[in-house]
Amino acid sequence: MAPSLKVFRTPIGFHDAYVAAPSQKAALEAWGADANLFARGVAERVTDAELIKEPLARPGVVIKRRRASMAEHFASLAKEKAPSRSEEKPRPVRPRRKPPAPKPRPSRDALDRAEQALADEQARAREELAVLEKEQVRIQAEISKLRAKQGKQAERLERRVEQERRRHDAALDRWRGS
């Protein structure tokens, strides 16, 4: 059974971001948040039927809706009274400083040397490995040759042992007088 979906909302600039998700954690993942917006009081669950219709139709997808028109946003800015110059505290005059010189770009020399050392070591290791693998093939061939030679030698000696055993048994029979 699929978990029931809930709709969550958080403000993003001049918009509200809605998402239908099974949990707050899933909503935070959909928004790409790296902090718990619910604990900070920035995100909330939405129950208004009109607001949850579109997010429930597309679960897991972030739906952005503008909170007000641009004219309403600008109108609200005009209502806020900016402090007059006379009300502001005078700022102390500081002597201008030269901006700091831009930092020089970090040198890549150490990285280049390290990369070259790695490439050299890998090439050397490949060469050594090739030599050892060639030697391994040669040794394997020698082992096969030696096994074949020892097999023939063992067969020849086994025939000789059998032949000597028959002679000895015959000599024993003659000695016993049979």
C-alpha atoms as a PDB file:
ATOM      1  CA  MET A   1       0.000   0.000   0.000  1.00  0.00           C
ATOM      2  CA  ALA A   2       1.436   3.393  -1.009  1.00  0.00           C
ATOM      3  CA  PRO A   3       1.952   5.910   1.816  1.00  0.00           C
ATOM      4  CA  SER A   4      -0.604   8.738   1.952  1.00  0.00           C
ATOM      5  CA  LEU A   5       0.618  11.981   0.465  1.00  0.00           C
ATOM      6  CA  LYS A   6       0.667  15.310   2.279  1.00  0.00           C
ATOM      7  CA  VAL A   7       1.306  18.710   0.726  1.00  0.00           C
ATOM      8  CA  PHE A   8       4.053  20.935   2.126  1.00  0.00           C
ATOM      9  CA  ARG A   9       4.969  24.562   1.347  1.00  0.00           C
ATOM     10  CA  THR A  10       8.079  26.725   1.786  1.00  0.00           C
ATOM     11  CA  PRO A  11       8.819  30.244   0.514  1.00  0.00           C
ATOM     12  CA  ILE A  12      11.424  30.608  -2.230  1.00  0.00           C
ATOM     13  CA  GLY A  13      12.013  34.258  -3.149  1.00  0.00           C
ATOM     14  CA  PHE A  14       8.764  35.753  -4.488  1.00  0.00           C
ATOM     15  CA  HIS A  15       7.270  32.250  -4.842  1.00  0.00           C
ATOM     16  CA  ASP A  16       5.970  29.470  -2.649  1.00  0.00           C
ATOM     17  CA  ALA A  17       7.228  25.982  -3.451  1.00  0.00           C
ATOM     18  CA  TYR A  18       4.652  23.216  -2.970  1.00  0.00           C
ATOM     19  CA  VAL A  19       5.346  19.492  -3.055  1.00  0.00           C
ATOM     20  CA  ALA A  20       3.223  16.415  -2.406  1.00  0.00           C
ATOM     21  CA  ALA A  21       5.292  13.900  -0.434  1.00  0.00           C
ATOM     22  CA  PRO A  22       4.711  11.113   2.098  1.00  0.00           C
ATOM     23  CA  SER A  23       6.815  12.844   4.800  1.00  0.00           C
ATOM     24  CA  GLN A  24       8.602  16.036   5.744  1.00  0.00           C
ATOM     25  CA  LYS A  25      11.905  14.368   4.985  1.00  0.00           C
ATOM     26  CA  ALA A  26      10.775  13.518   1.443  1.00  0.00           C
ATOM     27  CA  ALA A  27       9.584  17.125   0.972  1.00  0.00           C
ATOM     28  CA  LEU A  28      12.970  18.465   2.087  1.00  0.00           C
ATOM     29  CA  GLU A  29      14.688  16.132  -0.401  1.00  0.00           C
ATOM     30  CA  ALA A  30      12.396  17.313  -3.211  1.00  0.00           C
ATOM     31  CA  TRP A  31      13.219  20.940  -2.407  1.00  0.00           C
ATOM     32  CA  GLY A  32      16.933  20.104  -2.208  1.00  0.00           C
ATOM     33  CA  ALA A  33      17.145  21.576   1.298  1.00  0.00           C
ATOM     34  CA  ASP A  34      20.202  20.789   3.387  1.00  0.00           C
ATOM     35  CA  ALA A  35      18.579  21.956   6.646  1.00  0.00           C
ATOM     36  CA  ASN A  36      15.325  21.087   8.354  1.00  0.00           C
ATOM     37  CA  LEU A  37      13.090  23.941   7.184  1.00  0.00           C
ATOM     38  CA  PHE A  38      10.207  22.612   9.303  1.00  0.00           C
ATOM     39  CA  ALA A  39      12.217  22.894  12.515  1.00  0.00           C
ATOM     40  CA  ARG A  40      13.138  26.482  11.583  1.00  0.00           C
ATOM     41  CA  GLY A  41       9.483  27.316  10.985  1.00  0.00           C
ATOM     42  CA  VAL A  42      10.099  28.132   7.315  1.00  0.00           C
ATOM     43  CA  ALA A  43       8.111  25.207   5.887  1.00  0.00           C
ATOM     44  CA  GLU A  44       4.647  23.959   6.741  1.00  0.00           C
ATOM     45  CA  ARG A  45       1.958  21.443   5.867  1.00  0.00           C
ATOM     46  CA  VAL A  46      -0.869  22.787   3.669  1.00  0.00           C
ATOM     47  CA  THR A  47      -4.485  21.622   3.963  1.00  0.00           C
ATOM     48  CA  ASP A  48      -6.286  24.196   1.782  1.00  0.00           C
ATOM     49  CA  ALA A  49      -8.118  22.175  -0.907  1.00  0.00           C
ATOM     50  CA  GLU A  50      -7.437  24.754  -3.632  1.00  0.00           C
ATOM     51  CA  LEU A  51      -3.702  24.886  -2.888  1.00  0.00           C
ATOM     52  CA  ILE A  52      -3.142  21.108  -2.661  1.00  0.00           C
ATOM     53  CA  LYS A  53      -4.940  20.131  -5.887  1.00  0.00           C
ATOM     54  CA  GLU A  54      -2.008  20.649  -8.316  1.00  0.00           C
ATOM     55  CA  PRO A  55       0.766  19.172  -6.095  1.00  0.00           C
ATOM     56  CA  LEU A  56      -1.330  16.041  -5.423  1.00  0.00           C
ATOM     57  CA  ALA A  57      -1.765  15.604  -9.176  1.00  0.00           C
ATOM     58  CA  ARG A  58       2.058  15.516  -9.561  1.00  0.00           C
ATOM     59  CA  PRO A  59       3.557  13.911  -6.407  1.00  0.00           C
ATOM     60  CA  GLY A  60       7.230  14.563  -5.779  1.00  0.00           C
ATOM     61  CA  VAL A  61       7.376  17.486  -8.251  1.00  0.00           C
ATOM     62  CA  VAL A  62       8.055  20.956  -6.841  1.00  0.00           C
ATOM     63  CA  ILE A  63       5.283  23.366  -7.922  1.00  0.00           C
ATOM     64  CA  LYS A  64       6.154  27.089  -7.718  1.00  0.00           C
ATOM     65  CA  ARG A  65       3.411  29.688  -7.311  1.00  0.00           C
ATOM     66  CA  ARG A  66       3.924  33.446  -7.156  1.00  0.00           C
ATOM     67  CA  ARG A  67       2.741  34.877  -3.833  1.00  0.00           C
ATOM     68  CA  ALA A  68       1.684  38.233  -5.319  1.00  0.00           C
ATOM     69  CA  SER A  69       1.950  40.185  -8.557  1.00  0.00           C
ATOM     70  CA  MET A  70       5.002  42.315  -9.286  1.00  0.00           C
ATOM     71  CA  ALA A  71       2.894  45.476  -8.781  1.00  0.00           C
ATOM     72  CA  GLU A  72       1.876  44.251  -5.323  1.00  0.00           C
ATOM     73  CA  HIS A  73       5.519  43.499  -4.448  1.00  0.00           C
ATOM     74  CA  PHE A  74       6.625  46.980  -5.546  1.00  0.00           C
ATOM     75  CA  ALA A  75       3.685  48.581  -3.762  1.00  0.00           C
ATOM     76  CA  SER A  76       4.660  46.902  -0.501  1.00  0.00           C
ATOM     77  CA  LEU A  77       8.209  48.230  -0.906  1.00  0.00           C
ATOM     78  CA  ALA A  78       6.911  51.783  -1.348  1.00  0.00           C
ATOM     79  CA  LYS A  79       4.937  51.517   1.908  1.00  0.00           C
ATOM     80  CA  GLU A  80       8.061  50.848   3.902  1.00  0.00           C
ATOM     81  CA  LYS A  81       9.491  54.197   4.902  1.00  0.00           C
ATOM     82  CA  ALA A  82      13.206  54.555   4.322  1.00  0.00           C
ATOM     83  CA  PRO A  83      15.011  56.347   7.131  1.00  0.00           C
ATOM     84  CA  SER A  84      15.923  59.934   6.284  1.00  0.00           C
ATOM     85  CA  ARG A  85      19.537  61.070   6.243  1.00  0.00           C
ATOM     86  CA  SER A  86      18.953  63.204   9.310  1.00  0.00           C
ATOM     87  CA  GLU A  87      17.740  60.203  11.301  1.00  0.00           C
ATOM     88  CA  GLU A  88      20.757  58.126  10.366  1.00  0.00           C
ATOM     89  CA  LYS A  89      23.794  58.205  12.571  1.00  0.00           C
ATOM     90  CA  PRO A  90      26.763  59.815  10.887  1.00  0.00           C
ATOM     91  CA  ARG A  91      29.236  57.292   9.725  1.00  0.00           C
ATOM     92  CA  PRO A  92      32.875  57.788  10.536  1.00  0.00           C
ATOM     93  CA  VAL A  93      34.927  58.614   7.495  1.00  0.00           C
ATOM     94  CA  ARG A  94      37.552  56.023   6.875  1.00  0.00           C
ATOM     95  CA  PRO A  95      40.486  56.586   4.598  1.00  0.00           C
ATOM     96  CA  ARG A  96      40.194  54.635   1.384  1.00  0.00           C
ATOM     97  CA  ARG A  97      42.432  51.672   1.082  1.00  0.00           C
ATOM     98  CA  LYS A  98      43.714  50.200  -2.085  1.00  0.00           C
ATOM     99  CA  PRO A  99      41.996  46.957  -2.911  1.00  0.00           C
ATOM    100  CA  PRO A 100      44.309  44.067  -2.214  1.00  0.00           C
ATOM    101  CA  ALA A 101      46.259  42.828  -5.174  1.00  0.00           C
ATOM    102  CA  PRO A 102      44.751  39.716  -6.675  1.00  0.00           C
ATOM    103  CA  LYS A 103      46.332  36.567  -5.401  1.00  0.00           C
ATOM    104  CA  PRO A 104      48.518  34.796  -7.920  1.00  0.00           C
ATOM    105  CA  ARG A 105      47.114  31.658  -9.442  1.00  0.00           C
ATOM    106  CA  PRO A 106      48.348  28.563  -7.602  1.00  0.00           C
ATOM    107  CA  SER A 107      51.174  26.758  -9.357  1.00  0.00           C
ATOM    108  CA  ARG A 108      50.348  23.465 -11.006  1.00  0.00           C
ATOM    109  CA  ASP A 109      53.983  22.295 -10.973  1.00  0.00           C
ATOM    110  CA  ALA A 110      53.647  19.994  -7.946  1.00  0.00           C
ATOM    111  CA  LEU A 111      50.494  18.403  -9.394  1.00  0.00           C
ATOM    112  CA  ASP A 112      52.190  17.930 -12.781  1.00  0.00           C
ATOM    113  CA  ARG A 113      55.208  16.301 -11.111  1.00  0.00           C
ATOM    114  CA  ALA A 114      52.979  13.993  -9.072  1.00  0.00           C
ATOM    115  CA  GLU A 115      50.949  13.000 -12.159  1.00  0.00           C
ATOM    116  CA  GLN A 116      54.179  12.369 -14.119  1.00  0.00           C
ATOM    117  CA  ALA A 117      55.592  10.282 -11.257  1.00  0.00           C
ATOM    118  CA  LEU A 118      52.398   8.215 -11.235  1.00  0.00           C
ATOM    119  CA  ALA A 119      52.506   7.718 -15.017  1.00  0.00           C
ATOM    120  CA  ASP A 120      56.212   6.746 -14.859  1.00  0.00           C
ATOM    121  CA  GLU A 121      55.569   4.276 -12.032  1.00  0.00           C
ATOM    122  CA  GLN A 122      52.626   2.719 -13.867  1.00  0.00           C
ATOM    123  CA  ALA A 123      54.731   2.324 -17.050  1.00  0.00           C
ATOM    124  CA  ARG A 124      57.610   0.786 -15.064  1.00  0.00           C
ATOM    125  CA  ALA A 125      55.235  -1.589 -13.302  1.00  0.00           C
ATOM    126  CA  ARG A 126      53.686  -2.639 -16.653  1.00  0.00           C
ATOM    127  CA  GLU A 127      57.174  -3.365 -18.061  1.00  0.00           C
ATOM    128  CA  GLU A 128      58.196  -5.400 -15.000  1.00  0.00           C
ATOM    129  CA  LEU A 129      54.928  -7.277 -15.108  1.00  0.00           C
ATOM    130  CA  ALA A 130      55.404  -8.057 -18.823  1.00  0.00           C
ATOM    131  CA  VAL A 131      58.903  -9.427 -18.116  1.00  0.00           C
ATOM    132  CA  LEU A 132      57.606 -11.569 -15.253  1.00  0.00           C
ATOM    133  CA  GLU A 133      54.661 -12.837 -17.298  1.00  0.00           C
ATOM    134  CA  LYS A 134      57.057 -13.796 -20.109  1.00  0.00           C
ATOM    135  CA  GLU A 135      59.240 -15.584 -17.556  1.00  0.00           C
ATOM    136  CA  GLN A 136      56.134 -17.278 -16.150  1.00  0.00           C
ATOM    137  CA  VAL A 137      55.254 -18.651 -19.606  1.00  0.00           C
ATOM    138  CA  ARG A 138      58.829 -19.912 -20.048  1.00  0.00           C
ATOM    139  CA  ILE A 139      58.831 -21.537 -16.585  1.00  0.00           C
ATOM    140  CA  GLN A 140      55.403 -23.090 -17.212  1.00  0.00           C
ATOM    141  CA  ALA A 141      56.736 -24.613 -20.445  1.00  0.00           C
ATOM    142  CA  GLU A 142      59.775 -25.981 -18.561  1.00  0.00           C
ATOM    143  CA  ILE A 143      57.519 -27.443 -15.883  1.00  0.00           C
ATOM    144  CA  SER A 144      55.383 -29.172 -18.508  1.00  0.00           C
ATOM    145  CA  LYS A 145      58.500 -30.519 -20.239  1.00  0.00           C
ATOM    146  CA  LEU A 146      59.952 -31.739 -16.914  1.00  0.00           C
ATOM    147  CA  ARG A 147      56.685 -33.423 -15.929  1.00  0.00           C
ATOM    148  CA  ALA A 148      56.556 -35.244 -19.243  1.00  0.00           C
ATOM    149  CA  LYS A 149      60.195 -36.338 -18.861  1.00  0.00           C
ATOM    150  CA  GLN A 150      59.636 -37.449 -15.246  1.00  0.00           C
ATOM    151  CA  GLY A 151      56.490 -39.311 -16.276  1.00  0.00           C
ATOM    152  CA  LYS A 152      58.407 -41.290 -18.901  1.00  0.00           C
ATOM    153  CA  GLN A 153      61.277 -41.924 -16.480  1.00  0.00           C
ATOM    154  CA  ALA A 154      58.839 -43.087 -13.770  1.00  0.00           C
ATOM    155  CA  GLU A 155      57.110 -45.474 -16.220  1.00  0.00           C
ATOM    156  CA  ARG A 156      60.470 -46.920 -17.261  1.00  0.00           C
ATOM    157  CA  LEU A 157      61.536 -47.375 -13.620  1.00  0.00           C
ATOM    158  CA  GLU A 158      58.158 -48.897 -12.667  1.00  0.00           C
ATOM    159  CA  ARG A 159      58.585 -51.473 -15.484  1.00  0.00           C
ATOM    160  CA  ARG A 160      62.094 -52.234 -14.205  1.00  0.00           C
ATOM    161  CA  VAL A 161      60.811 -52.590 -10.595  1.00  0.00           C
ATOM    162  CA  GLU A 162      58.087 -54.968 -11.833  1.00  0.00           C
ATOM    163  CA  GLN A 163      60.599 -56.961 -13.857  1.00  0.00           C
ATOM    164  CA  GLU A 164      63.007 -57.211 -10.877  1.00  0.00           C
ATOM    165  CA  ARG A 165      60.091 -58.182  -8.609  1.00  0.00           C
ATOM    166  CA  ARG A 166      59.196 -61.077 -10.944  1.00  0.00           C
ATOM    167  CA  ARG A 167      62.864 -62.230 -11.027  1.00  0.00           C
ATOM    168  CA  HIS A 168      63.104 -62.032  -7.257  1.00  0.00           C
ATOM    169  CA  ASP A 169      59.831 -63.960  -6.805  1.00  0.00           C
ATOM    170  CA  ALA A 170      61.108 -66.629  -9.253  1.00  0.00           C
ATOM    171  CA  ALA A 171      64.436 -66.865  -7.356  1.00  0.00           C
ATOM    172  CA  LEU A 172      62.548 -67.244  -4.074  1.00  0.00           C
ATOM    173  CA  ASP A 173      60.398 -69.978  -5.578  1.00  0.00           C
ATOM    174  CA  ARG A 174      63.535 -71.860  -6.765  1.00  0.00           C
ATOM    175  CA  TRP A 175      65.188 -71.415  -3.395  1.00  0.00           C
ATOM    176  CA  ARG A 176      62.178 -72.822  -1.567  1.00  0.00           C
ATOM    177  CA  GLY A 177      62.137 -75.678  -3.931  1.00  0.00           C
ATOM    178  CA  SER A 178      58.765 -75.176  -5.428  1.00  0.00           C
END
